[in-house]
Full PDB file with SEQRES, HELIX, SHEET, SSBOND, CRYST1, ORIGX, SCALE, CONECT and MASTER records, all heavy atoms in Angstrom:
SEQRES   1 A   34  ALA MET THR ASP LEU ASN ALA ASP ALA HIS VAL ASN SER          
SEQRES   2 A   34  VAL THR ARG ILE PHE PRO GLY LEU GLY GLU THR GLY ILE          
SEQRES   3 A   34  VAL ALA GLU ILE VAL GLU LEU VAL                              
HELIX    1 AA1 ALA A    7  ASN A   12  1                                   6    
HELIX    2 AA2 SER A   13  ILE A   17  3                                   5    
HELIX    3 AA3 PHE A   18  LEU A   21  1                                   4    
HELIX    4 AA4 VAL A   27  LEU A   33  1                                   7    
CRYST1    1.000    1.000    1.000  90.00  90.00  90.00 P 1           1          
ORIGX1      1.000000  0.000000  0.000000        0.00000                         
ORIGX2      0.000000  1.000000  0.000000        0.00000                         
ORIGX3      0.000000  0.000000  1.000000        0.00000                         
SCALE1      1.000000  0.000000  0.000000        0.00000                         
SCALE2      0.000000  1.000000  0.000000        0.00000                         
SCALE3      0.000000  0.000000  1.000000        0.00000                         
ATOM      1  N   ALA A   1       0.841  -1.197   0.000  1.00  0.00           N  
ATOM      2  CA  ALA A   1       0.000   0.000   0.000  1.00  0.00           C  
ATOM      3  C   ALA A   1       0.873   1.243   0.000  1.00  0.00           C  
ATOM      4  O   ALA A   1       0.557   2.259   0.615  1.00  0.00           O  
ATOM      5  CB  ALA A   1      -0.938  -0.004   1.197  1.00  0.00           C  
ATOM      6  N   MET A   2       2.013   1.129  -0.681  1.00  0.00           N  
ATOM      7  CA  MET A   2       2.912   2.281  -0.828  1.00  0.00           C  
ATOM      8  C   MET A   2       3.626   2.175  -2.160  1.00  0.00           C  
ATOM      9  O   MET A   2       3.723   1.097  -2.750  1.00  0.00           O  
ATOM     10  CB  MET A   2       3.914   2.349   0.333  1.00  0.00           C  
ATOM     11  CG  MET A   2       4.772   1.129   0.505  1.00  0.00           C  
ATOM     12  SD  MET A   2       5.904   1.208   1.912  1.00  0.00           S  
ATOM     13  CE  MET A   2       4.829   1.075   3.309  1.00  0.00           C  
ATOM     14  N   THR A   3       4.081   3.309  -2.624  1.00  0.00           N  
ATOM     15  CA  THR A   3       4.794   3.356  -3.895  1.00  0.00           C  
ATOM     16  C   THR A   3       5.749   4.537  -3.874  1.00  0.00           C  
ATOM     17  O   THR A   3       5.746   5.332  -2.931  1.00  0.00           O  
ATOM     18  CB  THR A   3       3.814   3.452  -5.079  1.00  0.00           C  
ATOM     19  OG1 THR A   3       4.527   3.251  -6.299  1.00  0.00           O  
ATOM     20  CG2 THR A   3       3.097   4.790  -5.112  1.00  0.00           C  
ATOM     21  N   ASP A   4       6.542   4.651  -4.904  1.00  0.00           N  
ATOM     22  CA  ASP A   4       7.511   5.732  -4.993  1.00  0.00           C  
ATOM     23  C   ASP A   4       7.777   6.009  -6.463  1.00  0.00           C  
ATOM     24  O   ASP A   4       7.717   5.087  -7.285  1.00  0.00           O  
ATOM     25  CB  ASP A   4       8.811   5.323  -4.290  1.00  0.00           C  
ATOM     26  CG  ASP A   4       9.675   6.503  -3.904  1.00  0.00           C  
ATOM     27  OD1 ASP A   4      10.133   7.233  -4.809  1.00  0.00           O  
ATOM     28  OD2 ASP A   4       9.903   6.690  -2.701  1.00  0.00           O  
ATOM     29  N   LEU A   5       8.072   7.242  -6.812  1.00  0.00           N  
ATOM     30  CA  LEU A   5       8.437   7.566  -8.191  1.00  0.00           C  
ATOM     31  C   LEU A   5       9.747   6.903  -8.595  1.00  0.00           C  
ATOM     32  O   LEU A   5       9.991   6.629  -9.761  1.00  0.00           O  
ATOM     33  CB  LEU A   5       8.530   9.075  -8.380  1.00  0.00           C  
ATOM     34  CG  LEU A   5       7.211   9.830  -8.311  1.00  0.00           C  
ATOM     35  CD1 LEU A   5       7.468  11.340  -8.375  1.00  0.00           C  
ATOM     36  CD2 LEU A   5       6.287   9.397  -9.430  1.00  0.00           C  
ATOM     37  N   ASN A   6      10.597   6.635  -7.616  1.00  0.00           N  
ATOM     38  CA  ASN A   6      11.891   6.003  -7.869  1.00  0.00           C  
ATOM     39  C   ASN A   6      11.819   4.563  -7.383  1.00  0.00           C  
ATOM     40  O   ASN A   6      11.805   4.303  -6.172  1.00  0.00           O  
ATOM     41  CB  ASN A   6      12.991   6.771  -7.145  1.00  0.00           C  
ATOM     42  CG  ASN A   6      14.363   6.216  -7.402  1.00  0.00           C  
ATOM     43  OD1 ASN A   6      14.563   5.004  -7.446  1.00  0.00           O  
ATOM     44  ND2 ASN A   6      15.328   7.107  -7.557  1.00  0.00           N  
ATOM     45  N   ALA A   7      11.777   3.608  -8.293  1.00  0.00           N  
ATOM     46  CA  ALA A   7      11.642   2.193  -7.934  1.00  0.00           C  
ATOM     47  C   ALA A   7      12.789   1.708  -7.061  1.00  0.00           C  
ATOM     48  O   ALA A   7      12.581   0.929  -6.119  1.00  0.00           O  
ATOM     49  CB  ALA A   7      11.527   1.337  -9.193  1.00  0.00           C  
ATOM     50  N   ASP A   8      14.017   2.158  -7.346  1.00  0.00           N  
ATOM     51  CA  ASP A   8      15.165   1.739  -6.540  1.00  0.00           C  
ATOM     52  C   ASP A   8      15.048   2.259  -5.102  1.00  0.00           C  
ATOM     53  O   ASP A   8      15.386   1.552  -4.153  1.00  0.00           O  
ATOM     54  CB  ASP A   8      16.474   2.231  -7.158  1.00  0.00           C  
ATOM     55  CG  ASP A   8      16.817   1.531  -8.459  1.00  0.00           C  
ATOM     56  OD1 ASP A   8      16.348   0.390  -8.672  1.00  0.00           O  
ATOM     57  OD2 ASP A   8      17.549   2.129  -9.275  1.00  0.00           O  
ATOM     58  N   ALA A   9      14.590   3.488  -4.946  1.00  0.00           N  
ATOM     59  CA  ALA A   9      14.419   4.058  -3.612  1.00  0.00           C  
ATOM     60  C   ALA A   9      13.336   3.296  -2.849  1.00  0.00           C  
ATOM     61  O   ALA A   9      13.464   3.051  -1.640  1.00  0.00           O  
ATOM     62  CB  ALA A   9      14.064   5.543  -3.706  1.00  0.00           C  
ATOM     63  N   HIS A  10      12.276   2.907  -3.532  1.00  0.00           N  
ATOM     64  CA  HIS A  10      11.203   2.120  -2.916  1.00  0.00           C  
ATOM     65  C   HIS A  10      11.749   0.784  -2.412  1.00  0.00           C  
ATOM     66  O   HIS A  10      11.543   0.414  -1.253  1.00  0.00           O  
ATOM     67  CB  HIS A  10      10.073   1.902  -3.928  1.00  0.00           C  
ATOM     68  CG  HIS A  10       9.017   0.972  -3.444  1.00  0.00           C  
ATOM     69  ND1 HIS A  10       8.015   1.370  -2.604  1.00  0.00           N  
ATOM     70  CD2 HIS A  10       8.815  -0.356  -3.693  1.00  0.00           C  
ATOM     71  CE1 HIS A  10       7.221   0.331  -2.337  1.00  0.00           C  
ATOM     72  NE2 HIS A  10       7.691  -0.731  -2.992  1.00  0.00           N  
ATOM     73  N   VAL A  11      12.446   0.073  -3.261  1.00  0.00           N  
ATOM     74  CA  VAL A  11      13.001  -1.229  -2.892  1.00  0.00           C  
ATOM     75  C   VAL A  11      13.973  -1.088  -1.728  1.00  0.00           C  
ATOM     76  O   VAL A  11      13.954  -1.885  -0.781  1.00  0.00           O  
ATOM     77  CB  VAL A  11      13.665  -1.913  -4.112  1.00  0.00           C  
ATOM     78  CG1 VAL A  11      14.459  -3.140  -3.683  1.00  0.00           C  
ATOM     79  CG2 VAL A  11      12.622  -2.278  -5.153  1.00  0.00           C  
ATOM     80  N   ASN A  12      14.827  -0.071  -1.761  1.00  0.00           N  
ATOM     81  CA  ASN A  12      15.776   0.157  -0.676  1.00  0.00           C  
ATOM     82  C   ASN A  12      15.045   0.379   0.645  1.00  0.00           C  
ATOM     83  O   ASN A  12      15.426  -0.197   1.673  1.00  0.00           O  
ATOM     84  CB  ASN A  12      16.674   1.355  -0.995  1.00  0.00           C  
ATOM     85  CG  ASN A  12      17.706   1.581   0.078  1.00  0.00           C  
ATOM     86  OD1 ASN A  12      18.559   0.748   0.313  1.00  0.00           O  
ATOM     87  ND2 ASN A  12      17.603   2.724   0.742  1.00  0.00           N  
ATOM     88  N   SER A  13      14.014   1.204   0.633  1.00  0.00           N  
ATOM     89  CA  SER A  13      13.262   1.478   1.862  1.00  0.00           C  
ATOM     90  C   SER A  13      12.609   0.209   2.394  1.00  0.00           C  
ATOM     91  O   SER A  13      12.708  -0.095   3.588  1.00  0.00           O  
ATOM     92  CB  SER A  13      12.192   2.539   1.609  1.00  0.00           C  
ATOM     93  OG  SER A  13      12.780   3.777   1.291  1.00  0.00           O  
ATOM     94  N   VAL A  14      11.935  -0.525   1.508  1.00  0.00           N  
ATOM     95  CA  VAL A  14      11.197  -1.718   1.926  1.00  0.00           C  
ATOM     96  C   VAL A  14      12.128  -2.835   2.397  1.00  0.00           C  
ATOM     97  O   VAL A  14      11.837  -3.509   3.390  1.00  0.00           O  
ATOM     98  CB  VAL A  14      10.280  -2.212   0.774  1.00  0.00           C  
ATOM     99  CG1 VAL A  14       9.697  -3.578   1.080  1.00  0.00           C  
ATOM    100  CG2 VAL A  14       9.162  -1.197   0.528  1.00  0.00           C  
ATOM    101  N   THR A  15      13.248  -3.030   1.726  1.00  0.00           N  
ATOM    102  CA  THR A  15      14.109  -4.172   2.050  1.00  0.00           C  
ATOM    103  C   THR A  15      15.202  -3.867   3.066  1.00  0.00           C  
ATOM    104  O   THR A  15      15.616  -4.767   3.796  1.00  0.00           O  
ATOM    105  CB  THR A  15      14.770  -4.742   0.780  1.00  0.00           C  
ATOM    106  OG1 THR A  15      15.584  -3.733   0.170  1.00  0.00           O  
ATOM    107  CG2 THR A  15      13.728  -5.252  -0.198  1.00  0.00           C  
ATOM    108  N   ARG A  16      15.664  -2.626   3.130  1.00  0.00           N  
ATOM    109  CA  ARG A  16      16.792  -2.320   4.010  1.00  0.00           C  
ATOM    110  C   ARG A  16      16.435  -1.448   5.219  1.00  0.00           C  
ATOM    111  O   ARG A  16      17.002  -1.629   6.292  1.00  0.00           O  
ATOM    112  CB  ARG A  16      17.896  -1.633   3.203  1.00  0.00           C  
ATOM    113  CG  ARG A  16      18.512  -2.548   2.179  1.00  0.00           C  
ATOM    114  CD  ARG A  16      19.738  -1.910   1.544  1.00  0.00           C  
ATOM    115  NE  ARG A  16      20.374  -2.826   0.627  1.00  0.00           N  
ATOM    116  CZ  ARG A  16      20.235  -2.773  -0.692  1.00  0.00           C  
ATOM    117  NH1 ARG A  16      19.487  -1.846  -1.246  1.00  0.00           N  
ATOM    118  NH2 ARG A  16      20.853  -3.657  -1.462  1.00  0.00           N  
ATOM    119  N   ILE A  17      15.551  -0.506   5.041  1.00  0.00           N  
ATOM    120  CA  ILE A  17      15.276   0.449   6.114  1.00  0.00           C  
ATOM    121  C   ILE A  17      14.091   0.025   6.978  1.00  0.00           C  
ATOM    122  O   ILE A  17      14.186   0.003   8.206  1.00  0.00           O  
ATOM    123  CB  ILE A  17      15.065   1.862   5.530  1.00  0.00           C  
ATOM    124  CG1 ILE A  17      16.370   2.326   4.874  1.00  0.00           C  
ATOM    125  CG2 ILE A  17      14.588   2.839   6.599  1.00  0.00           C  
ATOM    126  CD1 ILE A  17      16.260   3.568   4.056  1.00  0.00           C  
ATOM    127  N   PHE A  18      12.983  -0.322   6.360  1.00  0.00           N  
ATOM    128  CA  PHE A  18      11.765  -0.615   7.120  1.00  0.00           C  
ATOM    129  C   PHE A  18      11.902  -1.771   8.103  1.00  0.00           C  
ATOM    130  O   PHE A  18      11.346  -1.705   9.210  1.00  0.00           O  
ATOM    131  CB  PHE A  18      10.574  -0.832   6.194  1.00  0.00           C  
ATOM    132  CG  PHE A  18      10.143   0.420   5.477  1.00  0.00           C  
ATOM    133  CD1 PHE A  18       9.274   0.342   4.415  1.00  0.00           C  
ATOM    134  CD2 PHE A  18      10.599   1.680   5.839  1.00  0.00           C  
ATOM    135  CE1 PHE A  18       8.857   1.481   3.735  1.00  0.00           C  
ATOM    136  CE2 PHE A  18      10.206   2.829   5.165  1.00  0.00           C  
ATOM    137  CZ  PHE A  18       9.322   2.725   4.118  1.00  0.00           C  
ATOM    138  N   PRO A  19      12.627  -2.848   7.766  1.00  0.00           N  
ATOM    139  CA  PRO A  19      12.758  -3.931   8.758  1.00  0.00           C  
ATOM    140  C   PRO A  19      13.404  -3.477  10.068  1.00  0.00           C  
ATOM    141  O   PRO A  19      13.159  -4.087  11.116  1.00  0.00           O  
ATOM    142  CB  PRO A  19      13.620  -4.967   8.032  1.00  0.00           C  
ATOM    143  CG  PRO A  19      13.311  -4.753   6.583  1.00  0.00           C  
ATOM    144  CD  PRO A  19      13.189  -3.246   6.463  1.00  0.00           C  
ATOM    145  N   GLY A  20      14.169  -2.416  10.051  1.00  0.00           N  
ATOM    146  CA  GLY A  20      14.765  -1.882  11.268  1.00  0.00           C  
ATOM    147  C   GLY A  20      13.847  -0.959  12.045  1.00  0.00           C  
ATOM    148  O   GLY A  20      14.113  -0.629  13.206  1.00  0.00           O  
ATOM    149  N   LEU A  21      12.765  -0.530  11.419  1.00  0.00           N  
ATOM    150  CA  LEU A  21      11.833   0.409  12.060  1.00  0.00           C  
ATOM    151  C   LEU A  21      10.573  -0.264  12.579  1.00  0.00           C  
ATOM    152  O   LEU A  21       9.868   0.304  13.414  1.00  0.00           O  
ATOM    153  CB  LEU A  21      11.436   1.512  11.070  1.00  0.00           C  
ATOM    154  CG  LEU A  21      12.575   2.401  10.579  1.00  0.00           C  
ATOM    155  CD1 LEU A  21      12.058   3.388   9.531  1.00  0.00           C  
ATOM    156  CD2 LEU A  21      13.221   3.137  11.740  1.00  0.00           C  
ATOM    157  N   GLY A  22      10.265  -1.434  12.045  1.00  0.00           N  
ATOM    158  CA  GLY A  22       9.041  -2.098  12.460  1.00  0.00           C  
ATOM    159  C   GLY A  22       8.818  -3.374  11.673  1.00  0.00           C  
ATOM    160  O   GLY A  22       9.738  -3.906  11.053  1.00  0.00           O  
ATOM    161  N   GLU A  23       7.595  -3.824  11.702  1.00  0.00           N  
ATOM    162  CA  GLU A  23       7.224  -5.031  10.981  1.00  0.00           C  
ATOM    163  C   GLU A  23       6.688  -4.646   9.610  1.00  0.00           C  
ATOM    164  O   GLU A  23       6.051  -3.609   9.455  1.00  0.00           O  
ATOM    165  CB  GLU A  23       6.158  -5.796  11.750  1.00  0.00           C  
ATOM    166  CG  GLU A  23       6.646  -6.280  13.105  1.00  0.00           C  
ATOM    167  CD  GLU A  23       5.575  -7.037  13.838  1.00  0.00           C  
ATOM    168  OE1 GLU A  23       5.260  -8.162  13.413  1.00  0.00           O  
ATOM    169  OE2 GLU A  23       5.051  -6.490  14.822  1.00  0.00           O  
ATOM    170  N   THR A  24       6.941  -5.490   8.628  1.00  0.00           N  
ATOM    171  CA  THR A  24       6.421  -5.251   7.289  1.00  0.00           C  
ATOM    172  C   THR A  24       5.480  -6.387   6.920  1.00  0.00           C  
ATOM    173  O   THR A  24       5.641  -7.522   7.370  1.00  0.00           O  
ATOM    174  CB  THR A  24       7.546  -5.153   6.247  1.00  0.00           C  
ATOM    175  OG1 THR A  24       8.283  -6.369   6.233  1.00  0.00           O  
ATOM    176  CG2 THR A  24       8.477  -3.982   6.548  1.00  0.00           C  
ATOM    177  N   GLY A  25       4.503  -6.069   6.090  1.00  0.00           N  
ATOM    178  CA  GLY A  25       3.563  -7.074   5.616  1.00  0.00           C  
ATOM    179  C   GLY A  25       2.662  -6.477   4.570  1.00  0.00           C  
ATOM    180  O   GLY A  25       2.736  -5.285   4.273  1.00  0.00           O  
ATOM    181  N   ILE A  26       1.818  -7.312   4.012  1.00  0.00           N  
ATOM    182  CA  ILE A  26       0.842  -6.818   3.041  1.00  0.00           C  
ATOM    183  C   ILE A  26      -0.478  -6.557   3.764  1.00  0.00           C  
ATOM    184  O   ILE A  26      -0.726  -7.097   4.845  1.00  0.00           O  
ATOM    185  CB  ILE A  26       0.666  -7.786   1.851  1.00  0.00           C  
ATOM    186  CG1 ILE A  26       0.130  -9.138   2.305  1.00  0.00           C  
ATOM    187  CG2 ILE A  26       1.988  -7.938   1.088  1.00  0.00           C  
ATOM    188  CD1 ILE A  26      -0.258 -10.066   1.163  1.00  0.00           C  
ATOM    189  N   VAL A  27      -1.305  -5.729   3.169  1.00  0.00           N  
ATOM    190  CA  VAL A  27      -2.546  -5.293   3.811  1.00  0.00           C  
ATOM    191  C   VAL A  27      -3.393  -6.479   4.266  1.00  0.00           C  
ATOM    192  O   VAL A  27      -3.877  -6.502   5.396  1.00  0.00           O  
ATOM    193  CB  VAL A  27      -3.354  -4.365   2.868  1.00  0.00           C  
ATOM    194  CG1 VAL A  27      -4.734  -4.097   3.430  1.00  0.00           C  
ATOM    195  CG2 VAL A  27      -2.600  -3.060   2.631  1.00  0.00           C  
ATOM    196  N   ALA A  28      -3.564  -7.475   3.409  1.00  0.00           N  
ATOM    197  CA  ALA A  28      -4.406  -8.625   3.766  1.00  0.00           C  
ATOM    198  C   ALA A  28      -3.895  -9.320   5.028  1.00  0.00           C  
ATOM    199  O   ALA A  28      -4.683  -9.704   5.900  1.00  0.00           O  
ATOM    200  CB  ALA A  28      -4.480  -9.606   2.597  1.00  0.00           C  
ATOM    201  N   GLU A  29      -2.582  -9.480   5.147  1.00  0.00           N  
ATOM    202  CA  GLU A  29      -2.003 -10.109   6.337  1.00  0.00           C  
ATOM    203  C   GLU A  29      -2.223  -9.246   7.580  1.00  0.00           C  
ATOM    204  O   GLU A  29      -2.560  -9.759   8.647  1.00  0.00           O  
ATOM    205  CB  GLU A  29      -0.494 -10.309   6.151  1.00  0.00           C  
ATOM    206  CG  GLU A  29      -0.111 -11.304   5.097  1.00  0.00           C  
ATOM    207  CD  GLU A  29       1.382 -11.284   4.791  1.00  0.00           C  
ATOM    208  OE1 GLU A  29       2.079 -10.278   5.095  1.00  0.00           O  
ATOM    209  OE2 GLU A  29       1.852 -12.289   4.244  1.00  0.00           O  
ATOM    210  N   ILE A  30      -2.033  -7.954   7.428  1.00  0.00           N  
ATOM    211  CA  ILE A  30      -2.189  -7.035   8.559  1.00  0.00           C  
ATOM    212  C   ILE A  30      -3.632  -7.036   9.047  1.00  0.00           C  
ATOM    213  O   ILE A  30      -3.896  -7.143  10.246  1.00  0.00           O  
ATOM    214  CB  ILE A  30      -1.715  -5.623   8.182  1.00  0.00           C  
ATOM    215  CG1 ILE A  30      -0.213  -5.638   7.879  1.00  0.00           C  
ATOM    216  CG2 ILE A  30      -2.049  -4.616   9.285  1.00  0.00           C  
ATOM    217  CD1 ILE A  30       0.296  -4.399   7.172  1.00  0.00           C  
ATOM    218  N   VAL A  31      -4.574  -6.952   8.126  1.00  0.00           N  
ATOM    219  CA  VAL A  31      -5.996  -6.964   8.491  1.00  0.00           C  
ATOM    220  C   VAL A  31      -6.347  -8.275   9.179  1.00  0.00           C  
ATOM    221  O   VAL A  31      -7.043  -8.284  10.206  1.00  0.00           O  
ATOM    222  CB  VAL A  31      -6.881  -6.719   7.252  1.00  0.00           C  
ATOM    223  CG1 VAL A  31      -8.341  -6.995   7.558  1.00  0.00           C  
ATOM    224  CG2 VAL A  31      -6.687  -5.289   6.743  1.00  0.00           C  
ATOM    225  N   GLU A  32      -5.866  -9.388   8.644  1.00  0.00           N  
ATOM    226  CA  GLU A  32      -6.156 -10.691   9.249  1.00  0.00           C  
ATOM    227  C   GLU A  32      -5.631 -10.757  10.686  1.00  0.00           C  
ATOM    228  O   GLU A  32      -6.324 -11.231  11.586  1.00  0.00           O  
ATOM    229  CB  GLU A  32      -5.535 -11.808   8.420  1.00  0.00           C  
ATOM    230  CG  GLU A  32      -5.798 -13.187   8.989  1.00  0.00           C  
ATOM    231  CD  GLU A  32      -5.136 -14.298   8.188  1.00  0.00           C  
ATOM    232  OE1 GLU A  32      -4.768 -14.076   7.022  1.00  0.00           O  
ATOM    233  OE2 GLU A  32      -5.000 -15.398   8.745  1.00  0.00           O  
ATOM    234  N   LEU A  33      -4.423 -10.284  10.913  1.00  0.00           N  
ATOM    235  CA  LEU A  33      -3.853 -10.309  12.257  1.00  0.00           C  
ATOM    236  C   LEU A  33      -4.635  -9.425  13.225  1.00  0.00           C  
ATOM    237  O   LEU A  33      -4.870  -9.802  14.373  1.00  0.00           O  
ATOM    238  CB  LEU A  33      -2.390  -9.883  12.217  1.00  0.00           C  
ATOM    239  CG  LEU A  33      -1.443 -10.902  11.579  1.00  0.00           C  
ATOM    240  CD1 LEU A  33      -0.063 -10.273  11.368  1.00  0.00           C  
ATOM    241  CD2 LEU A  33      -1.340 -12.153  12.431  1.00  0.00           C  
ATOM    242  N   VAL A  34      -5.044  -8.254  12.754  1.00  0.00           N  
ATOM    243  CA  VAL A  34      -5.828  -7.354  13.610  1.00  0.00           C  
ATOM    244  C   VAL A  34      -7.176  -7.976  13.939  1.00  0.00           C  
ATOM    245  O   VAL A  34      -7.626  -7.949  15.086  1.00  0.00           O  
ATOM    246  CB  VAL A  34      -5.998  -5.969  12.945  1.00  0.00           C  
ATOM    247  CG1 VAL A  34      -7.016  -5.128  13.694  1.00  0.00           C  
ATOM    248  CG2 VAL A  34      -4.658  -5.249  12.876  1.00  0.00           C  
TER     249      VAL A  34                                                      
MASTER        0    0    0    4    0    0    0    6  248    1    0    3          
END                                                                             
């Protein structure tokens, strides 16, 4: 549920930065857990 004009910047954020800030998942998984 996120995107970026720069595909490389998006991938970097999702794969390298976000795992250090919290949990990552897709909307369906998040809704199911909640």
